[in-house]
Structures are given as structure tokens and as C-alpha cells.
Amino acid sequence: MIAKLNGKVDFLKDSYVVIDVNGIGYKVFVTMHTFGMIAGKQSVELYTHTYVREDILALYGFLELDELEMFELLIGISGIGPKAAIGILTIADPKTVRTAVLNEDATILTRVSGVGKKIAQRVILELKNKIVDIPAHERAQVTNDTDALEALVAMGYSVSEARETLKIIPQSIQDVGERVKLALKNLGRK
């Protein structure tokens, strides 16, 4: 099992990156957030999950251990494969997924292609006991950031640009509209 790769970014294409580790190229599928974060970098270190089935051998990579752990929780649920798990983590970071599960809010999960209401409810049911509780003030912030993220993506910004910009905005600002305004100012400076 390959748990981590550290090497040169050979090239990026659609939903994967090829990482050259001592002359061997590894094709690693990534979220759009990770894709955006490693674009333009010479080298990268990714935590990986080796996915093995009868007819599939694939690597999935993540910049943060938290994303890898959430990915592994998600693919452990019947009806959620690696493609759907990557889709969920592209739309929502692990903290947002945990908050959605704890709030029993299936709307975030159903935004992913191939994840209907029934599967989203199964995710909530199966992860509810596996996820550590998040303080109430952090849950509210995650909901605001999800709405702000959707607004920025609808305006044409990438998921990774929107996420990184929202991280900069002080947590004390709770209003979604205000968070979007500040994010647009920050994005305009780049």
C-alpha cells in the first residue's frame, strides 16, 4: 500500500496529477481543491489512499491528512465510491462534511453528481457516530462559508481560489453577504 508520495509534479490533467518519484510516474486522482493548490508547483507531497478492486488499482491523493481520513470514511459507506467521495470533498472540505453530518443536512452532499437524497441520508446515518462533535459556533461558520463558497464559484472562481480566500476572512464576520464582499476584494487584489 502506498501511503504517501513526495516528488516532482510531472503534469496535471483534468482530475489527476502525475508525480515523478525517483523516475517512476504515479497517476494520482485529486480533488479540484488539491488540483488548484498544486498547479504551478514544482514538487508536492500527497497523502494517498490505494484503492484496489477486481478491475481497478488507483491512487487518490490529498494535501492534508484530514481530507484523506474523510475520504476513507466516505468510501467505507455502501453506495459511495472514490469518484463520489472526491466529488464531495471537492465541494466541501472535511469540516463542512462533518458539520453537515452532525446537523443532518443532506443538501451539501446532494450537490455532488451521483449522490441523491437516499445516499446522502445513508452518509449522515453511517458517519454520525464516527465523527467528533464540532462546537456550535464553528458549525455556524462552516454553513456561512459553504454559502459564500457557492456564491464565489457561481461567479466563476475556482473552488480552490474561493476556499483559500474565505480562510483569510476573519471568523468574527458571520454575514454571508459580507464574507462574499470581502472575498471579492481579496480576489480582486490578486
Protein backbone atom coordinates (compact mmCIF):
# COMPACT_ATOMS: atom_id res chain seq x y z
CA MET A 1 0.00 0.00 0.00
CA ILE A 2 1.27 3.46 -0.90
CA ALA A 3 0.53 5.88 1.97
CA LYS A 4 2.40 9.00 0.86
CA LEU A 5 4.16 10.33 -2.22
CA ASN A 6 6.75 13.07 -2.32
CA GLY A 7 8.08 14.03 -5.71
CA LYS A 8 8.18 16.26 -8.74
CA VAL A 9 4.92 17.31 -10.41
CA ASP A 10 5.29 15.85 -13.89
CA PHE A 11 1.97 17.13 -15.24
CA LEU A 12 -1.63 17.89 -14.33
CA LYS A 13 -4.65 16.84 -16.35
CA ASP A 14 -8.37 17.13 -15.60
CA SER A 15 -8.79 15.31 -12.28
CA TYR A 16 -5.33 13.84 -11.72
CA VAL A 17 -1.66 14.65 -11.34
CA VAL A 18 1.35 12.57 -12.33
CA ILE A 19 4.04 12.67 -9.67
CA ASP A 20 7.58 11.60 -10.56
CA VAL A 21 9.19 9.82 -7.62
CA ASN A 22 12.74 8.77 -8.49
CA GLY A 23 11.90 8.23 -12.15
CA ILE A 24 8.58 6.45 -11.61
CA GLY A 25 5.41 8.35 -12.54
CA TYR A 26 2.42 7.82 -10.27
CA LYS A 27 -1.03 8.84 -11.53
CA VAL A 28 -2.90 10.25 -8.54
CA PHE A 29 -6.53 11.37 -8.64
CA VAL A 30 -7.16 14.54 -6.60
CA THR A 31 -9.96 16.91 -5.59
CA MET A 32 -10.32 20.16 -7.52
CA HIS A 33 -9.13 21.97 -4.39
CA THR A 34 -5.90 19.95 -4.30
CA PHE A 35 -5.56 20.31 -8.07
CA GLY A 36 -5.72 24.10 -7.75
CA MET A 37 -3.28 24.16 -4.83
CA ILE A 38 -0.58 22.14 -6.61
CA ALA A 39 -0.95 23.82 -10.01
CA GLY A 40 2.27 25.67 -10.76
CA LYS A 41 4.29 23.90 -8.07
CA GLN A 42 7.50 22.05 -8.90
CA SER A 43 7.14 19.37 -6.25
CA VAL A 44 4.42 18.12 -3.94
CA GLU A 45 3.80 15.78 -1.02
CA LEU A 46 0.46 13.97 -1.00
CA TYR A 47 -1.11 11.57 1.47
CA THR A 48 -2.53 8.76 -0.60
CA HIS A 49 -5.13 6.05 -0.50
CA THR A 50 -4.50 2.98 -2.64
CA TYR A 51 -7.85 1.81 -3.99
CA VAL A 52 -7.89 -1.83 -5.10
CA ARG A 53 -10.83 -3.69 -6.61
CA GLU A 54 -11.07 -6.62 -9.03
CA ASP A 55 -10.52 -4.46 -12.09
CA ILE A 56 -9.18 -1.22 -10.57
CA LEU A 57 -5.92 -0.13 -8.99
CA ALA A 58 -5.90 3.62 -8.39
CA LEU A 59 -4.25 6.19 -6.14
CA TYR A 60 -6.14 9.11 -4.59
CA GLY A 61 -4.10 11.95 -3.13
CA PHE A 62 -4.70 14.71 -0.59
CA LEU A 63 -2.63 17.61 0.70
CA GLU A 64 -3.98 17.25 4.22
CA LEU A 65 -4.36 14.15 6.38
CA ASP A 66 -7.83 15.33 7.41
CA GLU A 67 -9.02 15.09 3.79
CA LEU A 68 -7.60 11.58 3.45
CA GLU A 69 -9.35 10.43 6.63
CA MET A 70 -12.70 11.85 5.45
CA PHE A 71 -12.21 10.22 2.04
CA GLU A 72 -11.65 6.85 3.71
CA LEU A 73 -14.75 7.29 5.88
CA LEU A 74 -16.82 8.18 2.82
CA ILE A 75 -15.73 5.24 0.65
CA GLY A 76 -16.49 2.90 3.54
CA ILE A 77 -20.19 3.68 3.02
CA SER A 78 -22.21 1.50 0.67
CA GLY A 79 -23.08 3.47 -2.46
CA ILE A 80 -20.16 5.89 -2.16
CA GLY A 81 -17.23 5.10 -4.40
CA PRO A 82 -13.99 7.03 -4.82
CA LYS A 83 -15.43 9.25 -7.56
CA ALA A 84 -18.37 10.36 -5.37
CA ALA A 85 -16.07 10.82 -2.34
CA ILE A 86 -13.73 13.01 -4.41
CA GLY A 87 -16.78 14.94 -5.63
CA ILE A 88 -17.96 15.53 -2.06
CA LEU A 89 -14.51 16.71 -0.95
CA THR A 90 -14.28 18.99 -3.98
CA ILE A 91 -17.50 20.75 -2.99
CA ALA A 92 -16.94 20.70 0.78
CA ASP A 93 -13.86 20.43 2.97
CA PRO A 94 -13.83 17.78 5.74
CA LYS A 95 -15.01 20.26 8.38
CA THR A 96 -18.03 21.16 6.24
CA VAL A 97 -18.86 17.48 5.70
CA ARG A 98 -18.63 16.83 9.46
CA THR A 99 -20.91 19.79 10.14
CA ALA A 100 -23.43 18.61 7.54
CA VAL A 101 -23.47 15.16 9.12
CA LEU A 102 -23.87 16.48 12.67
CA ASN A 103 -26.62 18.91 11.56
CA GLU A 104 -28.23 16.14 9.47
CA ASP A 105 -28.13 18.48 6.46
CA ALA A 106 -28.11 16.43 3.25
CA THR A 107 -28.21 19.43 0.89
CA ILE A 108 -24.42 19.79 0.66
CA LEU A 109 -23.97 16.11 -0.15
CA THR A 110 -26.72 16.02 -2.79
CA ARG A 111 -24.95 18.70 -4.84
CA VAL A 112 -22.48 16.05 -5.97
CA SER A 113 -23.28 14.27 -9.22
CA GLY A 114 -24.41 10.72 -8.47
CA VAL A 115 -25.31 11.39 -4.84
CA GLY A 116 -29.06 11.50 -4.39
CA LYS A 117 -31.09 12.13 -1.27
CA LYS A 118 -31.15 8.44 -0.29
CA ILE A 119 -27.35 8.07 -0.44
CA ALA A 120 -26.85 11.41 1.34
CA GLN A 121 -29.10 10.20 4.17
CA ARG A 122 -27.08 6.97 4.36
CA VAL A 123 -23.85 9.02 4.65
CA ILE A 124 -25.33 11.02 7.52
CA LEU A 125 -26.62 7.91 9.28
CA GLU A 126 -23.37 5.96 8.98
CA LEU A 127 -20.98 8.83 9.80
CA LYS A 128 -22.97 10.32 12.68
CA ASN A 129 -21.27 8.04 15.26
CA LYS A 130 -17.84 8.20 13.64
CA ILE A 131 -17.45 11.97 13.58
CA VAL A 132 -16.22 14.02 16.51
CA ASP A 133 -18.59 16.80 17.57
CA ILE A 134 -17.83 20.34 16.41
CA PRO A 135 -18.61 23.33 18.68
CA ALA A 136 -21.82 25.20 17.75
CA HIS A 137 -20.04 28.46 16.78
CA GLU A 138 -17.82 26.56 14.32
CA ARG A 139 -20.87 24.82 12.79
CA ALA A 140 -22.49 28.21 12.06
CA GLN A 141 -19.25 29.44 10.46
CA VAL A 142 -18.99 26.38 8.23
CA THR A 143 -22.57 26.93 7.00
CA ASN A 144 -21.78 30.56 6.17
CA ASP A 145 -18.57 29.57 4.37
CA THR A 146 -20.42 26.93 2.32
CA ASP A 147 -22.94 29.53 1.13
CA ALA A 148 -20.16 32.05 0.41
CA LEU A 149 -18.14 29.38 -1.43
CA GLU A 150 -21.12 28.53 -3.64
CA ALA A 151 -21.65 32.20 -4.43
CA LEU A 152 -18.00 32.68 -5.44
CA VAL A 153 -17.97 29.54 -7.60
CA ALA A 154 -21.18 30.71 -9.29
CA MET A 155 -19.34 33.95 -10.12
CA GLY A 156 -16.67 31.96 -11.95
CA TYR A 157 -13.94 31.50 -9.34
CA SER A 158 -12.44 28.06 -8.81
CA VAL A 159 -13.20 26.07 -5.67
CA SER A 160 -9.58 26.32 -4.51
CA GLU A 161 -9.44 30.12 -5.04
CA ALA A 162 -12.71 30.58 -3.15
CA ARG A 163 -11.69 28.31 -0.25
CA GLU A 164 -8.30 29.97 0.21
CA THR A 165 -9.81 33.46 0.12
CA LEU A 166 -12.51 32.56 2.65
CA LYS A 167 -9.84 31.25 5.05
CA ILE A 168 -8.32 34.75 5.17
CA ILE A 169 -11.57 36.46 6.20
CA PRO A 170 -11.91 36.88 10.00
CA GLN A 171 -14.24 34.38 11.66
CA SER A 172 -15.94 37.23 13.52
CA ILE A 173 -17.71 38.23 10.29
CA GLN A 174 -20.76 35.97 10.18
CA ASP A 175 -22.90 37.56 7.44
CA VAL A 176 -22.64 35.59 4.19
CA GLY A 177 -23.02 38.69 2.00
CA GLU A 178 -20.26 40.49 3.89
CA ARG A 179 -17.98 37.42 3.60
CA VAL A 180 -18.57 37.35 -0.17
CA LYS A 181 -17.83 41.09 -0.49
CA LEU A 182 -14.55 40.73 1.42
CA ALA A 183 -13.63 37.64 -0.60
CA LEU A 184 -14.23 39.53 -3.85
CA LYS A 185 -11.99 42.36 -2.64
CA ASN A 186 -9.24 39.86 -1.82
CA LEU A 187 -9.65 38.06 -5.14
CA GLY A 188 -9.54 41.40 -6.98
CA ARG A 189 -6.11 42.19 -5.49
CA LYS A 190 -4.54 39.08 -6.98
